[in-house]
Amino acid sequence: MPQLQRTAFNYVPNLPGLNLAEGFTEIAPVAAVAATGTINFDVNQQSVLYYTSNASANWTVNFRGDQYTKLDNLMTVGQAITVAHLVTQGSTAYYNSAVQVDGVSVTPKYQGGTAWAAGNASGIDSYVYTIIKTGNGTFTVLASQTQFK
């Protein structure tokens, strides 16, 4: 089992999007975009992505490093990343119907054991994914959906 590296509390590396001056914060892009089609979630850019326009169809989420980098190349076996996609819903709700990592379909393991079959109308659905690299190009994805009104 790999050993965790300890870092002195008074040394903090300069990381883009990390602001410890007033507590821990991170970049969370807010986009007036509707969830639909295939959404490329670039983990190099954010760990939280918030769509503020009403979802207009079921969608696929594709996790990758960014448009040039595969997530597989950013992670080593045994590493995990947790991200959230916040989706605004109108009176007709839609849901995340498929998950990909680097463009390859992955069947998530869902909180509660059953894949969701609908979104939640007139609120915000929070989709949280923990992506664990288990081998070369192989990932386990744990997925949950929570409704906020």
C-alpha atoms as a PDB file:
ATOM      1  CA  MET A   1       0.000   0.000   0.000  1.00  0.00           C
ATOM      2  CA  PRO A   2       1.467   3.406  -0.934  1.00  0.00           C
ATOM      3  CA  GLN A   3       2.435   5.738   1.873  1.00  0.00           C
ATOM      4  CA  LEU A   4       0.802   9.157   2.099  1.00  0.00           C
ATOM      5  CA  GLN A   5       3.202  12.041   1.863  1.00  0.00           C
ATOM      6  CA  ARG A   6       3.053  14.488   4.727  1.00  0.00           C
ATOM      7  CA  THR A   7       3.397  18.179   3.991  1.00  0.00           C
ATOM      8  CA  ALA A   8       4.128  20.840   6.590  1.00  0.00           C
ATOM      9  CA  PHE A   9       0.988  22.890   7.188  1.00  0.00           C
ATOM     10  CA  ASN A  10       2.800  26.170   6.564  1.00  0.00           C
ATOM     11  CA  TYR A  11       3.838  25.136   3.037  1.00  0.00           C
ATOM     12  CA  VAL A  12       1.089  25.270   0.439  1.00  0.00           C
ATOM     13  CA  PRO A  13       1.939  24.858  -3.236  1.00  0.00           C
ATOM     14  CA  ASN A  14       0.670  27.486  -5.668  1.00  0.00           C
ATOM     15  CA  LEU A  15      -2.159  25.647  -7.426  1.00  0.00           C
ATOM     16  CA  PRO A  16      -4.483  27.319  -9.947  1.00  0.00           C
ATOM     17  CA  GLY A  17      -7.938  27.819  -8.487  1.00  0.00           C
ATOM     18  CA  LEU A  18      -6.850  27.113  -4.907  1.00  0.00           C
ATOM     19  CA  ASN A  19      -7.326  29.980  -2.466  1.00  0.00           C
ATOM     20  CA  LEU A  20      -6.462  29.339   1.163  1.00  0.00           C
ATOM     21  CA  ALA A  21      -6.401  32.993   2.205  1.00  0.00           C
ATOM     22  CA  GLU A  22     -10.029  32.857   3.383  1.00  0.00           C
ATOM     23  CA  GLY A  23     -10.489  29.127   3.791  1.00  0.00           C
ATOM     24  CA  PHE A  24     -10.498  26.411   1.185  1.00  0.00           C
ATOM     25  CA  THR A  25     -12.182  27.358  -2.082  1.00  0.00           C
ATOM     26  CA  GLU A  26     -12.134  25.910  -5.568  1.00  0.00           C
ATOM     27  CA  ILE A  27     -13.241  26.901  -9.041  1.00  0.00           C
ATOM     28  CA  ALA A  28     -16.889  26.074  -9.767  1.00  0.00           C
ATOM     29  CA  PRO A  29     -17.859  27.370 -13.205  1.00  0.00           C
ATOM     30  CA  VAL A  30     -21.439  28.601 -13.426  1.00  0.00           C
ATOM     31  CA  ALA A  31     -22.750  28.311 -16.974  1.00  0.00           C
ATOM     32  CA  ALA A  32     -26.070  29.445 -18.437  1.00  0.00           C
ATOM     33  CA  VAL A  33     -26.160  26.175 -20.350  1.00  0.00           C
ATOM     34  CA  ALA A  34     -28.773  23.411 -20.519  1.00  0.00           C
ATOM     35  CA  ALA A  35     -27.708  19.832 -19.898  1.00  0.00           C
ATOM     36  CA  THR A  36     -28.180  17.841 -23.110  1.00  0.00           C
ATOM     37  CA  GLY A  37     -26.148  15.640 -25.474  1.00  0.00           C
ATOM     38  CA  THR A  38     -22.629  14.718 -24.326  1.00  0.00           C
ATOM     39  CA  ILE A  39     -21.098  16.926 -21.653  1.00  0.00           C
ATOM     40  CA  ASN A  40     -17.315  16.837 -21.434  1.00  0.00           C
ATOM     41  CA  PHE A  41     -16.401  17.303 -17.780  1.00  0.00           C
ATOM     42  CA  ASP A  42     -12.768  18.461 -17.754  1.00  0.00           C
ATOM     43  CA  VAL A  43     -11.404  17.630 -14.320  1.00  0.00           C
ATOM     44  CA  ASN A  44      -8.302  19.773 -14.980  1.00  0.00           C
ATOM     45  CA  GLN A  45     -10.624  22.797 -15.090  1.00  0.00           C
ATOM     46  CA  GLN A  46     -13.058  22.165 -12.225  1.00  0.00           C
ATOM     47  CA  SER A  47     -14.410  19.670  -9.732  1.00  0.00           C
ATOM     48  CA  VAL A  48     -17.844  21.318  -9.567  1.00  0.00           C
ATOM     49  CA  LEU A  49     -19.769  22.320 -12.700  1.00  0.00           C
ATOM     50  CA  TYR A  50     -23.100  24.183 -12.357  1.00  0.00           C
ATOM     51  CA  TYR A  51     -25.545  24.450 -15.285  1.00  0.00           C
ATOM     52  CA  THR A  52     -28.142  27.139 -14.573  1.00  0.00           C
ATOM     53  CA  SER A  53     -30.442  26.746 -17.609  1.00  0.00           C
ATOM     54  CA  ASN A  54     -33.118  24.045 -17.481  1.00  0.00           C
ATOM     55  CA  ALA A  55     -31.997  20.640 -18.761  1.00  0.00           C
ATOM     56  CA  SER A  56     -33.502  20.010 -22.197  1.00  0.00           C
ATOM     57  CA  ALA A  57     -32.877  16.268 -22.678  1.00  0.00           C
ATOM     58  CA  ASN A  58     -31.190  13.310 -20.984  1.00  0.00           C
ATOM     59  CA  TRP A  59     -27.419  13.561 -21.293  1.00  0.00           C
ATOM     60  CA  THR A  60     -24.155  11.630 -21.229  1.00  0.00           C
ATOM     61  CA  VAL A  61     -21.328  12.876 -19.035  1.00  0.00           C
ATOM     62  CA  ASN A  62     -17.767  12.177 -20.237  1.00  0.00           C
ATOM     63  CA  PHE A  63     -15.005  12.620 -17.659  1.00  0.00           C
ATOM     64  CA  ARG A  64     -11.592  13.504 -19.053  1.00  0.00           C
ATOM     65  CA  GLY A  65      -8.555  15.545 -18.068  1.00  0.00           C
ATOM     66  CA  ASP A  66      -9.306  18.141 -20.727  1.00  0.00           C
ATOM     67  CA  GLN A  67      -9.645  18.298 -24.501  1.00  0.00           C
ATOM     68  CA  TYR A  68      -5.992  17.259 -24.901  1.00  0.00           C
ATOM     69  CA  THR A  69      -5.448  14.964 -21.907  1.00  0.00           C
ATOM     70  CA  LYS A  70      -7.048  11.678 -20.931  1.00  0.00           C
ATOM     71  CA  LEU A  71      -8.057  11.207 -17.317  1.00  0.00           C
ATOM     72  CA  ASP A  72      -6.281   7.843 -17.551  1.00  0.00           C
ATOM     73  CA  ASN A  73      -2.987   9.718 -18.083  1.00  0.00           C
ATOM     74  CA  LEU A  74      -3.562  11.960 -15.049  1.00  0.00           C
ATOM     75  CA  MET A  75      -4.247   9.213 -12.546  1.00  0.00           C
ATOM     76  CA  THR A  76      -2.378   6.173 -11.296  1.00  0.00           C
ATOM     77  CA  VAL A  77      -3.979   2.940 -10.122  1.00  0.00           C
ATOM     78  CA  GLY A  78      -5.465   3.447  -6.676  1.00  0.00           C
ATOM     79  CA  GLN A  79      -6.146   7.171  -7.088  1.00  0.00           C
ATOM     80  CA  ALA A  80      -9.647   8.648  -6.933  1.00  0.00           C
ATOM     81  CA  ILE A  81     -11.267  11.950  -7.797  1.00  0.00           C
ATOM     82  CA  THR A  82     -14.695  13.194  -6.738  1.00  0.00           C
ATOM     83  CA  VAL A  83     -16.607  15.693  -8.864  1.00  0.00           C
ATOM     84  CA  ALA A  84     -20.102  17.192  -8.902  1.00  0.00           C
ATOM     85  CA  HIS A  85     -22.357  18.259 -11.755  1.00  0.00           C
ATOM     86  CA  LEU A  86     -25.218  20.523 -10.668  1.00  0.00           C
ATOM     87  CA  VAL A  87     -28.097  20.596 -13.145  1.00  0.00           C
ATOM     88  CA  THR A  88     -31.058  22.974 -13.045  1.00  0.00           C
ATOM     89  CA  GLN A  89     -34.396  21.315 -13.860  1.00  0.00           C
ATOM     90  CA  GLY A  90     -37.572  22.898 -15.186  1.00  0.00           C
ATOM     91  CA  SER A  91     -41.104  21.498 -14.966  1.00  0.00           C
ATOM     92  CA  THR A  92     -39.995  18.597 -17.197  1.00  0.00           C
ATOM     93  CA  ALA A  93     -37.012  16.895 -15.619  1.00  0.00           C
ATOM     94  CA  TYR A  94     -34.244  14.988 -17.379  1.00  0.00           C
ATOM     95  CA  TYR A  95     -31.321  12.955 -16.047  1.00  0.00           C
ATOM     96  CA  ASN A  96     -27.791  11.741 -16.668  1.00  0.00           C
ATOM     97  CA  SER A  97     -28.450   8.577 -18.671  1.00  0.00           C
ATOM     98  CA  ALA A  98     -24.870   7.466 -19.455  1.00  0.00           C
ATOM     99  CA  VAL A  99     -21.356   7.863 -18.045  1.00  0.00           C
ATOM    100  CA  GLN A 100     -18.044   7.753 -19.889  1.00  0.00           C
ATOM    101  CA  VAL A 101     -14.402   8.111 -18.917  1.00  0.00           C
ATOM    102  CA  ASP A 102     -12.185   9.287 -21.774  1.00  0.00           C
ATOM    103  CA  GLY A 103     -15.024   8.523 -24.210  1.00  0.00           C
ATOM    104  CA  VAL A 104     -15.413   4.901 -23.057  1.00  0.00           C
ATOM    105  CA  SER A 105     -18.719   3.829 -21.496  1.00  0.00           C
ATOM    106  CA  VAL A 106     -18.650   2.910 -17.811  1.00  0.00           C
ATOM    107  CA  THR A 107     -21.543   1.411 -15.851  1.00  0.00           C
ATOM    108  CA  PRO A 108     -21.551   3.226 -12.506  1.00  0.00           C
ATOM    109  CA  LYS A 109     -22.343   1.706  -9.157  1.00  0.00           C
ATOM    110  CA  TYR A 110     -25.285   3.761  -7.941  1.00  0.00           C
ATOM    111  CA  GLN A 111     -25.999   4.915  -4.416  1.00  0.00           C
ATOM    112  CA  GLY A 112     -28.837   2.706  -3.193  1.00  0.00           C
ATOM    113  CA  GLY A 113     -28.043   0.086  -5.864  1.00  0.00           C
ATOM    114  CA  THR A 114     -30.453   1.227  -8.586  1.00  0.00           C
ATOM    115  CA  ALA A 115     -29.746   3.528 -11.515  1.00  0.00           C
ATOM    116  CA  TRP A 116     -31.866   6.661 -11.510  1.00  0.00           C
ATOM    117  CA  ALA A 117     -34.568   6.763 -14.172  1.00  0.00           C
ATOM    118  CA  ALA A 118     -35.621  10.402 -13.859  1.00  0.00           C
ATOM    119  CA  GLY A 119     -34.545  13.831 -12.762  1.00  0.00           C
ATOM    120  CA  ASN A 120     -36.417  15.954 -10.237  1.00  0.00           C
ATOM    121  CA  ALA A 121     -38.638  18.725 -11.608  1.00  0.00           C
ATOM    122  CA  SER A 122     -38.304  22.391 -10.651  1.00  0.00           C
ATOM    123  CA  GLY A 123     -35.094  22.246  -8.654  1.00  0.00           C
ATOM    124  CA  ILE A 124     -31.406  21.468  -8.906  1.00  0.00           C
ATOM    125  CA  ASP A 125     -30.148  17.915  -9.182  1.00  0.00           C
ATOM    126  CA  SER A 126     -26.654  17.304  -7.842  1.00  0.00           C
ATOM    127  CA  TYR A 127     -24.847  14.405  -9.478  1.00  0.00           C
ATOM    128  CA  VAL A 128     -21.731  13.384  -7.560  1.00  0.00           C
ATOM    129  CA  TYR A 129     -19.250  10.918  -9.006  1.00  0.00           C
ATOM    130  CA  THR A 130     -16.246   9.307  -7.379  1.00  0.00           C
ATOM    131  CA  ILE A 131     -13.976   7.951 -10.106  1.00  0.00           C
ATOM    132  CA  ILE A 132     -11.415   5.359  -8.984  1.00  0.00           C
ATOM    133  CA  LYS A 133      -8.676   4.149 -11.315  1.00  0.00           C
ATOM    134  CA  THR A 134      -8.447   0.371 -10.908  1.00  0.00           C
ATOM    135  CA  GLY A 135      -6.192  -0.456 -13.879  1.00  0.00           C
ATOM    136  CA  ASN A 136      -4.841   0.912 -17.134  1.00  0.00           C
ATOM    137  CA  GLY A 137      -7.875   2.529 -18.781  1.00  0.00           C
ATOM    138  CA  THR A 138     -10.132   0.909 -16.166  1.00  0.00           C
ATOM    139  CA  PHE A 139     -12.280   2.832 -13.704  1.00  0.00           C
ATOM    140  CA  THR A 140     -14.930   2.212 -11.077  1.00  0.00           C
ATOM    141  CA  VAL A 141     -17.443   5.055 -10.868  1.00  0.00           C
ATOM    142  CA  LEU A 142     -19.646   5.560  -7.808  1.00  0.00           C
ATOM    143  CA  ALA A 143     -22.602   7.804  -8.619  1.00  0.00           C
ATOM    144  CA  SER A 144     -25.317   9.565  -6.646  1.00  0.00           C
ATOM    145  CA  GLN A 145     -28.159  11.943  -7.419  1.00  0.00           C
ATOM    146  CA  THR A 146     -29.524  14.362  -4.822  1.00  0.00           C
ATOM    147  CA  GLN A 147     -32.422  16.759  -5.258  1.00  0.00           C
ATOM    148  CA  PHE A 148     -32.317  20.352  -3.992  1.00  0.00           C
ATOM    149  CA  LYS A 149     -35.349  22.648  -3.888  1.00  0.00           C
END
